[in-house]
Amino acid sequence: MGGGTILPLALLFLPGLGKSRCVLMASLATVLGALAFLYVFIIGGQSYPLSIFPGYQATSSFADGVINGYTPSIYEWALGCGGLGAALLVTLIGVRIFPGTVPQDDPRQEVVAN
């Protein structure tokens, strides 16, 4: 909660911090916090399953009650990398189609008043 929500908000709203570097750090913290949430939510739910029928016992021949480790296969890694690549491609196409939405000015350039 703190690394993915509170830290980015503090970096963005506390005065006196360098803005461009803080925006980058807040973005990275948000993405890492989201990935950590997904890992805990998905892998935790698969590793420690809940009782489906409370008060009853459901059995099968698949080693009931055994908690196994999990390692993603190459196909799951490829799917994740492909999804990230698709998101970056859509962003790149959007920036090319709508160039007016991205500022083109150099923020370090001095503005001289007349």
C-alpha atoms as a PDB file:
ATOM      1  CA  MET A   1       0.000   0.000   0.000  1.00  0.00           C
ATOM      2  CA  GLY A   2       2.718   2.440   0.943  1.00  0.00           C
ATOM      3  CA  GLY A   3       5.076   1.770  -1.957  1.00  0.00           C
ATOM      4  CA  GLY A   4       2.471   1.858  -4.689  1.00  0.00           C
ATOM      5  CA  THR A   5       0.100   4.550  -3.404  1.00  0.00           C
ATOM      6  CA  ILE A   6       1.392   6.721  -0.567  1.00  0.00           C
ATOM      7  CA  LEU A   7       4.974   7.110  -1.829  1.00  0.00           C
ATOM      8  CA  PRO A   8       3.936   8.283  -5.338  1.00  0.00           C
ATOM      9  CA  LEU A   9       1.434  10.757  -3.868  1.00  0.00           C
ATOM     10  CA  ALA A  10       4.084  12.128  -1.516  1.00  0.00           C
ATOM     11  CA  LEU A  11       6.562  12.477  -4.380  1.00  0.00           C
ATOM     12  CA  LEU A  12       4.029  14.371  -6.472  1.00  0.00           C
ATOM     13  CA  PHE A  13       2.541  16.677  -3.846  1.00  0.00           C
ATOM     14  CA  LEU A  14       5.350  17.520  -1.412  1.00  0.00           C
ATOM     15  CA  PRO A  15       6.868  20.925  -2.178  1.00  0.00           C
ATOM     16  CA  GLY A  16      10.575  21.321  -2.732  1.00  0.00           C
ATOM     17  CA  LEU A  17      11.195  18.096  -4.620  1.00  0.00           C
ATOM     18  CA  GLY A  18      12.524  18.075  -8.197  1.00  0.00           C
ATOM     19  CA  LYS A  19       9.451  17.690 -10.365  1.00  0.00           C
ATOM     20  CA  SER A  20      10.646  15.699 -13.394  1.00  0.00           C
ATOM     21  CA  ARG A  21      12.622  13.183 -11.367  1.00  0.00           C
ATOM     22  CA  CYS A  22       9.797  12.827  -8.835  1.00  0.00           C
ATOM     23  CA  VAL A  23       7.257  12.160 -11.579  1.00  0.00           C
ATOM     24  CA  LEU A  24       9.484   9.377 -12.937  1.00  0.00           C
ATOM     25  CA  MET A  25       9.985   7.870  -9.475  1.00  0.00           C
ATOM     26  CA  ALA A  26       6.247   8.106  -8.709  1.00  0.00           C
ATOM     27  CA  SER A  27       5.419   6.387 -11.997  1.00  0.00           C
ATOM     28  CA  LEU A  28       7.869   3.561 -11.351  1.00  0.00           C
ATOM     29  CA  ALA A  29       6.616   3.110  -7.777  1.00  0.00           C
ATOM     30  CA  THR A  30       3.018   2.938  -9.024  1.00  0.00           C
ATOM     31  CA  VAL A  31       3.843   0.307 -11.650  1.00  0.00           C
ATOM     32  CA  LEU A  32       5.862  -1.778  -9.177  1.00  0.00           C
ATOM     33  CA  GLY A  33       3.059  -1.503  -6.610  1.00  0.00           C
ATOM     34  CA  ALA A  34       0.518  -2.691  -9.191  1.00  0.00           C
ATOM     35  CA  LEU A  35       2.723  -5.650 -10.152  1.00  0.00           C
ATOM     36  CA  ALA A  36       3.170  -6.589  -6.484  1.00  0.00           C
ATOM     37  CA  PHE A  37      -0.608  -6.411  -5.954  1.00  0.00           C
ATOM     38  CA  LEU A  38      -1.258  -8.653  -8.954  1.00  0.00           C
ATOM     39  CA  TYR A  39       1.332 -11.177  -7.776  1.00  0.00           C
ATOM     40  CA  VAL A  40      -0.117 -11.358  -4.260  1.00  0.00           C
ATOM     41  CA  PHE A  41      -3.698 -11.527  -5.551  1.00  0.00           C
ATOM     42  CA  ILE A  42      -3.202 -14.158  -8.268  1.00  0.00           C
ATOM     43  CA  ILE A  43      -0.415 -16.357  -6.910  1.00  0.00           C
ATOM     44  CA  GLY A  44      -1.665 -16.148  -3.314  1.00  0.00           C
ATOM     45  CA  GLY A  45      -5.129 -17.264  -4.375  1.00  0.00           C
ATOM     46  CA  GLN A  46      -3.731 -20.221  -6.263  1.00  0.00           C
ATOM     47  CA  SER A  47      -1.231 -21.259  -3.589  1.00  0.00           C
ATOM     48  CA  TYR A  48      -3.645 -21.257  -0.651  1.00  0.00           C
ATOM     49  CA  PRO A  49      -7.104 -22.060  -2.028  1.00  0.00           C
ATOM     50  CA  LEU A  50     -10.198 -21.403   0.069  1.00  0.00           C
ATOM     51  CA  SER A  51     -12.645 -24.058   1.176  1.00  0.00           C
ATOM     52  CA  ILE A  52     -15.277 -24.203  -1.565  1.00  0.00           C
ATOM     53  CA  PHE A  53     -17.940 -26.043   0.446  1.00  0.00           C
ATOM     54  CA  PRO A  54     -17.651 -25.218   4.180  1.00  0.00           C
ATOM     55  CA  GLY A  55     -18.680 -28.145   6.335  1.00  0.00           C
ATOM     56  CA  TYR A  56     -18.219 -30.667   3.512  1.00  0.00           C
ATOM     57  CA  GLN A  57     -15.178 -32.418   2.181  1.00  0.00           C
ATOM     58  CA  ALA A  58     -14.453 -32.461  -1.538  1.00  0.00           C
ATOM     59  CA  THR A  59     -11.833 -34.986  -2.584  1.00  0.00           C
ATOM     60  CA  SER A  60     -10.088 -35.859  -5.780  1.00  0.00           C
ATOM     61  CA  SER A  61      -7.058 -37.794  -6.938  1.00  0.00           C
ATOM     62  CA  PHE A  62      -4.949 -34.646  -7.409  1.00  0.00           C
ATOM     63  CA  ALA A  63      -3.055 -34.572  -4.069  1.00  0.00           C
ATOM     64  CA  ASP A  64      -5.638 -32.652  -2.031  1.00  0.00           C
ATOM     65  CA  GLY A  65      -4.240 -30.426   0.687  1.00  0.00           C
ATOM     66  CA  VAL A  66      -0.764 -30.216  -0.835  1.00  0.00           C
ATOM     67  CA  ILE A  67       0.562 -26.689  -1.336  1.00  0.00           C
ATOM     68  CA  ASN A  68       2.919 -26.582  -4.287  1.00  0.00           C
ATOM     69  CA  GLY A  69       5.318 -23.922  -5.464  1.00  0.00           C
ATOM     70  CA  TYR A  70       4.691 -21.955  -8.636  1.00  0.00           C
ATOM     71  CA  THR A  71       7.090 -20.976 -11.399  1.00  0.00           C
ATOM     72  CA  PRO A  72       5.762 -19.256 -14.541  1.00  0.00           C
ATOM     73  CA  SER A  73       6.379 -21.107 -17.792  1.00  0.00           C
ATOM     74  CA  ILE A  74       8.034 -19.553 -20.837  1.00  0.00           C
ATOM     75  CA  TYR A  75       4.595 -19.129 -22.403  1.00  0.00           C
ATOM     76  CA  GLU A  76       3.378 -17.059 -19.455  1.00  0.00           C
ATOM     77  CA  TRP A  77       6.489 -14.865 -19.608  1.00  0.00           C
ATOM     78  CA  ALA A  78       5.983 -14.430 -23.360  1.00  0.00           C
ATOM     79  CA  LEU A  79       2.338 -13.489 -22.818  1.00  0.00           C
ATOM     80  CA  GLY A  80       3.317 -10.866 -20.238  1.00  0.00           C
ATOM     81  CA  CYS A  81       6.056  -9.408 -22.452  1.00  0.00           C
ATOM     82  CA  GLY A  82       3.689  -9.405 -25.437  1.00  0.00           C
ATOM     83  CA  GLY A  83       1.055  -7.525 -23.436  1.00  0.00           C
ATOM     84  CA  LEU A  84       3.621  -4.947 -22.360  1.00  0.00           C
ATOM     85  CA  GLY A  85       4.820  -4.612 -25.958  1.00  0.00           C
ATOM     86  CA  ALA A  86       1.249  -4.146 -27.197  1.00  0.00           C
ATOM     87  CA  ALA A  87       0.642  -1.405 -24.608  1.00  0.00           C
ATOM     88  CA  LEU A  88       3.849   0.382 -25.632  1.00  0.00           C
ATOM     89  CA  LEU A  89       2.943   0.055 -29.324  1.00  0.00           C
ATOM     90  CA  VAL A  90      -0.504   1.573 -28.728  1.00  0.00           C
ATOM     91  CA  THR A  91       1.147   4.430 -26.808  1.00  0.00           C
ATOM     92  CA  LEU A  92       3.642   5.019 -29.628  1.00  0.00           C
ATOM     93  CA  ILE A  93       0.892   5.049 -32.254  1.00  0.00           C
ATOM     94  CA  GLY A  94      -1.183   7.419 -30.110  1.00  0.00           C
ATOM     95  CA  VAL A  95       1.720   9.852 -29.779  1.00  0.00           C
ATOM     96  CA  ARG A  96       2.287   9.747 -33.554  1.00  0.00           C
ATOM     97  CA  ILE A  97      -1.401  10.295 -34.364  1.00  0.00           C
ATOM     98  CA  PHE A  98      -1.965  13.038 -31.762  1.00  0.00           C
ATOM     99  CA  PRO A  99       1.335  14.968 -31.711  1.00  0.00           C
ATOM    100  CA  GLY A 100      -0.286  18.115 -30.296  1.00  0.00           C
ATOM    101  CA  THR A 101      -0.921  16.475 -26.936  1.00  0.00           C
ATOM    102  CA  VAL A 102       2.789  16.084 -26.162  1.00  0.00           C
ATOM    103  CA  PRO A 103       4.578  19.346 -25.247  1.00  0.00           C
ATOM    104  CA  GLN A 104       7.416  20.158 -27.615  1.00  0.00           C
ATOM    105  CA  ASP A 105       8.966  23.032 -25.645  1.00  0.00           C
ATOM    106  CA  ASP A 106      12.188  22.651 -23.725  1.00  0.00           C
ATOM    107  CA  PRO A 107      11.361  23.390 -20.057  1.00  0.00           C
ATOM    108  CA  ARG A 108      14.957  24.515 -19.400  1.00  0.00           C
ATOM    109  CA  GLN A 109      14.739  27.258 -22.030  1.00  0.00           C
ATOM    110  CA  GLU A 110      14.642  30.791 -20.620  1.00  0.00           C
ATOM    111  CA  VAL A 111      11.657  32.962 -21.375  1.00  0.00           C
ATOM    112  CA  VAL A 112      12.599  36.581 -22.017  1.00  0.00           C
ATOM    113  CA  ALA A 113       9.892  39.165 -21.315  1.00  0.00           C
ATOM    114  CA  ASN A 114       9.697  42.330 -23.450  1.00  0.00           C
END
